[in-house]
Amino acid sequence: MELLYILLGSLLLIVGIIGCFVPVIPGPIIGYLALLVLEFSGEGAIGSTWLKLEP
């Protein structure tokens, strides 16, 4: 199951990067969702400082 989360997070991260250049896809939002998926996968050690939304 962890492998599925890692693959899903990686796919979302790639789509998020593409979305930064393609105006139809909301890239930053998808990239943030990818970080959340990777953080909760169990293998990711992103940390809470990367997941905080600060202006």
PDB file of N, CA and C in Angstrom:
ATOM      1  N   MET A   1       0.808  -1.186   0.000  1.00  0.00           N
ATOM      2  CA  MET A   1       0.000   0.000   0.000  1.00  0.00           C
ATOM      3  C   MET A   1       0.861   1.263   0.000  1.00  0.00           C
ATOM      4  N   GLU A   2       1.997   1.194   0.678  1.00  0.00           N
ATOM      5  CA  GLU A   2       2.901   2.343   0.691  1.00  0.00           C
ATOM      6  C   GLU A   2       3.440   2.637  -0.695  1.00  0.00           C
ATOM      7  N   LEU A   3       3.690   1.575  -1.460  1.00  0.00           N
ATOM      8  CA  LEU A   3       4.185   1.764  -2.819  1.00  0.00           C
ATOM      9  C   LEU A   3       3.150   2.489  -3.672  1.00  0.00           C
ATOM     10  N   LEU A   4       1.882   2.192  -3.452  1.00  0.00           N
ATOM     11  CA  LEU A   4       0.818   2.864  -4.191  1.00  0.00           C
ATOM     12  C   LEU A   4       0.796   4.356  -3.863  1.00  0.00           C
ATOM     13  N   TYR A   5       0.963   4.709  -2.590  1.00  0.00           N
ATOM     14  CA  TYR A   5       1.004   6.109  -2.195  1.00  0.00           C
ATOM     15  C   TYR A   5       2.215   6.828  -2.791  1.00  0.00           C
ATOM     16  N   ILE A   6       3.344   6.153  -2.814  1.00  0.00           N
ATOM     17  CA  ILE A   6       4.545   6.758  -3.379  1.00  0.00           C
ATOM     18  C   ILE A   6       4.378   6.981  -4.878  1.00  0.00           C
ATOM     19  N   LEU A   7       3.820   6.008  -5.573  1.00  0.00           N
ATOM     20  CA  LEU A   7       3.588   6.171  -7.007  1.00  0.00           C
ATOM     21  C   LEU A   7       2.558   7.260  -7.289  1.00  0.00           C
ATOM     22  N   LEU A   8       1.487   7.309  -6.494  1.00  0.00           N
ATOM     23  CA  LEU A   8       0.472   8.339  -6.670  1.00  0.00           C
ATOM     24  C   LEU A   8       1.050   9.722  -6.384  1.00  0.00           C
ATOM     25  N   GLY A   9       1.827   9.847  -5.330  1.00  0.00           N
ATOM     26  CA  GLY A   9       2.444  11.129  -5.004  1.00  0.00           C
ATOM     27  C   GLY A   9       3.429  11.580  -6.070  1.00  0.00           C
ATOM     28  N   SER A  10       4.190  10.645  -6.615  1.00  0.00           N
ATOM     29  CA  SER A  10       5.139  10.987  -7.666  1.00  0.00           C
ATOM     30  C   SER A  10       4.421  11.425  -8.939  1.00  0.00           C
ATOM     31  N   LEU A  11       3.353  10.724  -9.267  1.00  0.00           N
ATOM     32  CA  LEU A  11       2.567  11.099 -10.445  1.00  0.00           C
ATOM     33  C   LEU A  11       1.936  12.478 -10.261  1.00  0.00           C
ATOM     34  N   LEU A  12       1.387  12.737  -9.075  1.00  0.00           N
ATOM     35  CA  LEU A  12       0.817  14.060  -8.806  1.00  0.00           C
ATOM     36  C   LEU A  12       1.874  15.150  -8.850  1.00  0.00           C
ATOM     37  N   LEU A  13       3.066  14.857  -8.395  1.00  0.00           N
ATOM     38  CA  LEU A  13       4.142  15.834  -8.426  1.00  0.00           C
ATOM     39  C   LEU A  13       4.533  16.173  -9.856  1.00  0.00           C
ATOM     40  N   ILE A  14       4.607  15.173 -10.708  1.00  0.00           N
ATOM     41  CA  ILE A  14       4.932  15.414 -12.121  1.00  0.00           C
ATOM     42  C   ILE A  14       3.828  16.223 -12.795  1.00  0.00           C
ATOM     43  N   VAL A  15       2.568  15.875 -12.515  1.00  0.00           N
ATOM     44  CA  VAL A  15       1.446  16.630 -13.084  1.00  0.00           C
ATOM     45  C   VAL A  15       1.445  18.058 -12.545  1.00  0.00           C
ATOM     46  N   GLY A  16       1.811  18.246 -11.287  1.00  0.00           N
ATOM     47  CA  GLY A  16       1.890  19.583 -10.711  1.00  0.00           C
ATOM     48  C   GLY A  16       2.961  20.432 -11.371  1.00  0.00           C
ATOM     49  N   ILE A  17       4.089  19.834 -11.682  1.00  0.00           N
ATOM     50  CA  ILE A  17       5.151  20.574 -12.377  1.00  0.00           C
ATOM     51  C   ILE A  17       4.703  20.943 -13.784  1.00  0.00           C
ATOM     52  N   ILE A  18       4.052  20.028 -14.469  1.00  0.00           N
ATOM     53  CA  ILE A  18       3.517  20.335 -15.801  1.00  0.00           C
ATOM     54  C   ILE A  18       2.451  21.414 -15.696  1.00  0.00           C
ATOM     55  N   GLY A  19       1.646  21.362 -14.648  1.00  0.00           N
ATOM     56  CA  GLY A  19       0.589  22.339 -14.450  1.00  0.00           C
ATOM     57  C   GLY A  19       1.096  23.747 -14.189  1.00  0.00           C
ATOM     58  N   CYS A  20       2.335  23.892 -13.798  1.00  0.00           N
ATOM     59  CA  CYS A  20       2.895  25.229 -13.621  1.00  0.00           C
ATOM     60  C   CYS A  20       3.086  25.930 -14.967  1.00  0.00           C
ATOM     61  N   PHE A  21       3.171  25.174 -16.039  1.00  0.00           N
ATOM     62  CA  PHE A  21       3.381  25.754 -17.355  1.00  0.00           C
ATOM     63  C   PHE A  21       2.140  25.693 -18.241  1.00  0.00           C
ATOM     64  N   VAL A  22       1.226  24.787 -17.951  1.00  0.00           N
ATOM     65  CA  VAL A  22      -0.010  24.650 -18.711  1.00  0.00           C
ATOM     66  C   VAL A  22      -1.112  25.357 -17.919  1.00  0.00           C
ATOM     67  N   PRO A  23      -1.755  26.372 -18.498  1.00  0.00           N
ATOM     68  CA  PRO A  23      -2.706  27.162 -17.718  1.00  0.00           C
ATOM     69  C   PRO A  23      -3.983  26.433 -17.314  1.00  0.00           C
ATOM     70  N   VAL A  24      -4.307  25.323 -17.934  1.00  0.00           N
ATOM     71  CA  VAL A  24      -5.557  24.617 -17.632  1.00  0.00           C
ATOM     72  C   VAL A  24      -5.447  23.817 -16.337  1.00  0.00           C
ATOM     73  N   ILE A  25      -4.258  23.308 -16.012  1.00  0.00           N
ATOM     74  CA  ILE A  25      -4.039  22.447 -14.851  1.00  0.00           C
ATOM     75  C   ILE A  25      -3.549  23.297 -13.672  1.00  0.00           C
ATOM     76  N   PRO A  26      -4.192  23.199 -12.506  1.00  0.00           N
ATOM     77  CA  PRO A  26      -3.724  23.975 -11.339  1.00  0.00           C
ATOM     78  C   PRO A  26      -2.478  23.339 -10.715  1.00  0.00           C
ATOM     79  N   GLY A  27      -1.319  23.722 -11.191  1.00  0.00           N
ATOM     80  CA  GLY A  27      -0.064  23.093 -10.802  1.00  0.00           C
ATOM     81  C   GLY A  27       0.298  23.170  -9.337  1.00  0.00           C
ATOM     82  N   PRO A  28       0.296  24.368  -8.718  1.00  0.00           N
ATOM     83  CA  PRO A  28       0.696  24.437  -7.301  1.00  0.00           C
ATOM     84  C   PRO A  28      -0.224  23.652  -6.373  1.00  0.00           C
ATOM     85  N   ILE A  29      -1.504  23.635  -6.657  1.00  0.00           N
ATOM     86  CA  ILE A  29      -2.438  22.889  -5.808  1.00  0.00           C
ATOM     87  C   ILE A  29      -2.179  21.395  -5.920  1.00  0.00           C
ATOM     88  N   ILE A  30      -1.969  20.912  -7.122  1.00  0.00           N
ATOM     89  CA  ILE A  30      -1.690  19.486  -7.321  1.00  0.00           C
ATOM     90  C   ILE A  30      -0.339  19.126  -6.711  1.00  0.00           C
ATOM     91  N   GLY A  31       0.635  20.020  -6.820  1.00  0.00           N
ATOM     92  CA  GLY A  31       1.934  19.776  -6.199  1.00  0.00           C
ATOM     93  C   GLY A  31       1.845  19.692  -4.687  1.00  0.00           C
ATOM     94  N   TYR A  32       1.000  20.543  -4.086  1.00  0.00           N
ATOM     95  CA  TYR A  32       0.819  20.489  -2.638  1.00  0.00           C
ATOM     96  C   TYR A  32       0.122  19.196  -2.231  1.00  0.00           C
ATOM     97  N   LEU A  33      -0.863  18.762  -3.008  1.00  0.00           N
ATOM     98  CA  LEU A  33      -1.523  17.485  -2.727  1.00  0.00           C
ATOM     99  C   LEU A  33      -0.535  16.320  -2.838  1.00  0.00           C
ATOM    100  N   ALA A  34       0.397  16.426  -3.780  1.00  0.00           N
ATOM    101  CA  ALA A  34       1.413  15.389  -3.920  1.00  0.00           C
ATOM    102  C   ALA A  34       2.295  15.323  -2.675  1.00  0.00           C
ATOM    103  N   LEU A  35       2.659  16.493  -2.134  1.00  0.00           N
ATOM    104  CA  LEU A  35       3.458  16.502  -0.910  1.00  0.00           C
ATOM    105  C   LEU A  35       2.688  15.896   0.263  1.00  0.00           C
ATOM    106  N   LEU A  36       1.386  16.172   0.330  1.00  0.00           N
ATOM    107  CA  LEU A  36       0.580  15.571   1.397  1.00  0.00           C
ATOM    108  C   LEU A  36       0.510  14.053   1.265  1.00  0.00           C
ATOM    109  N   VAL A  37       0.317  13.560   0.042  1.00  0.00           N
ATOM    110  CA  VAL A  37       0.249  12.112  -0.178  1.00  0.00           C
ATOM    111  C   VAL A  37       1.574  11.462   0.183  1.00  0.00           C
ATOM    112  N   LEU A  38       2.680  12.093  -0.220  1.00  0.00           N
ATOM    113  CA  LEU A  38       3.990  11.524   0.095  1.00  0.00           C
ATOM    114  C   LEU A  38       4.296  11.581   1.595  1.00  0.00           C
ATOM    115  N   GLU A  39       3.807  12.603   2.268  1.00  0.00           N
ATOM    116  CA  GLU A  39       4.042  12.691   3.711  1.00  0.00           C
ATOM    117  C   GLU A  39       3.294  11.592   4.456  1.00  0.00           C
ATOM    118  N   PHE A  40       2.068  11.305   4.062  1.00  0.00           N
ATOM    119  CA  PHE A  40       1.264  10.314   4.767  1.00  0.00           C
ATOM    120  C   PHE A  40       1.472   8.897   4.248  1.00  0.00           C
ATOM    121  N   SER A  41       2.392   8.722   3.312  1.00  0.00           N
ATOM    122  CA  SER A  41       2.640   7.376   2.781  1.00  0.00           C
ATOM    123  C   SER A  41       3.416   6.512   3.776  1.00  0.00           C
ATOM    124  N   GLY A  42       4.135   7.112   4.671  1.00  0.00           N
ATOM    125  CA  GLY A  42       4.905   6.347   5.644  1.00  0.00           C
ATOM    126  C   GLY A  42       6.392   6.352   5.327  1.00  0.00           C
ATOM    127  N   GLU A  43       6.739   6.445   4.068  1.00  0.00           N
ATOM    128  CA  GLU A  43       8.140   6.456   3.671  1.00  0.00           C
ATOM    129  C   GLU A  43       8.681   7.874   3.525  1.00  0.00           C
ATOM    130  N   GLY A  44       7.810   8.818   3.279  1.00  0.00           N
ATOM    131  CA  GLY A  44       8.246  10.193   3.047  1.00  0.00           C
ATOM    132  C   GLY A  44       8.585  10.901   4.346  1.00  0.00           C
ATOM    133  N   ALA A  45       9.682  11.586   4.337  1.00  0.00           N
ATOM    134  CA  ALA A  45      10.083  12.367   5.502  1.00  0.00           C
ATOM    135  C   ALA A  45      10.211  13.823   5.080  1.00  0.00           C
ATOM    136  N   ILE A  46       9.084  14.400   4.694  1.00  0.00           N
ATOM    137  CA  ILE A  46       9.103  15.766   4.188  1.00  0.00           C
ATOM    138  C   ILE A  46       9.187  16.748   5.343  1.00  0.00           C
ATOM    139  N   GLY A  47       8.440  16.525   6.382  1.00  0.00           N
ATOM    140  CA  GLY A  47       8.460  17.390   7.553  1.00  0.00           C
ATOM    141  C   GLY A  47       7.332  18.403   7.510  1.00  0.00           C
ATOM    142  N   SER A  48       6.964  18.866   8.673  1.00  0.00           N
ATOM    143  CA  SER A  48       5.823  19.773   8.755  1.00  0.00           C
ATOM    144  C   SER A  48       6.144  21.178   8.269  1.00  0.00           C
ATOM    145  N   THR A  49       7.428  21.555   8.238  1.00  0.00           N
ATOM    146  CA  THR A  49       7.757  22.909   7.786  1.00  0.00           C
ATOM    147  C   THR A  49       7.474  23.080   6.293  1.00  0.00           C
ATOM    148  N   TRP A  50       7.544  22.026   5.520  1.00  0.00           N
ATOM    149  CA  TRP A  50       7.233  22.107   4.094  1.00  0.00           C
ATOM    150  C   TRP A  50       5.738  22.133   3.832  1.00  0.00           C
ATOM    151  N   LEU A  51       4.963  21.658   4.784  1.00  0.00           N
ATOM    152  CA  LEU A  51       3.527  21.535   4.571  1.00  0.00           C
ATOM    153  C   LEU A  51       2.730  22.710   5.120  1.00  0.00           C
ATOM    154  N   LYS A  52       3.382  23.660   5.781  1.00  0.00           N
ATOM    155  CA  LYS A  52       2.681  24.817   6.324  1.00  0.00           C
ATOM    156  C   LYS A  52       2.442  25.834   5.216  1.00  0.00           C
ATOM    157  N   LEU A  53       1.250  26.392   5.224  1.00  0.00           N
ATOM    158  CA  LEU A  53       0.914  27.440   4.276  1.00  0.00           C
ATOM    159  C   LEU A  53       1.128  28.783   4.944  1.00  0.00           C
ATOM    160  N   GLU A  54       2.143  29.491   4.529  1.00  0.00           N
ATOM    161  CA  GLU A  54       2.433  30.813   5.077  1.00  0.00           C
ATOM    162  C   GLU A  54       2.492  31.801   3.936  1.00  0.00           C
ATOM    163  N   PRO A  55       1.935  32.994   4.140  1.00  0.00           N
ATOM    164  CA  PRO A  55       1.965  34.013   3.066  1.00  0.00           C
ATOM    165  C   PRO A  55       3.324  34.586   2.873  1.00  0.00           C
TER     166      PRO A  55
END
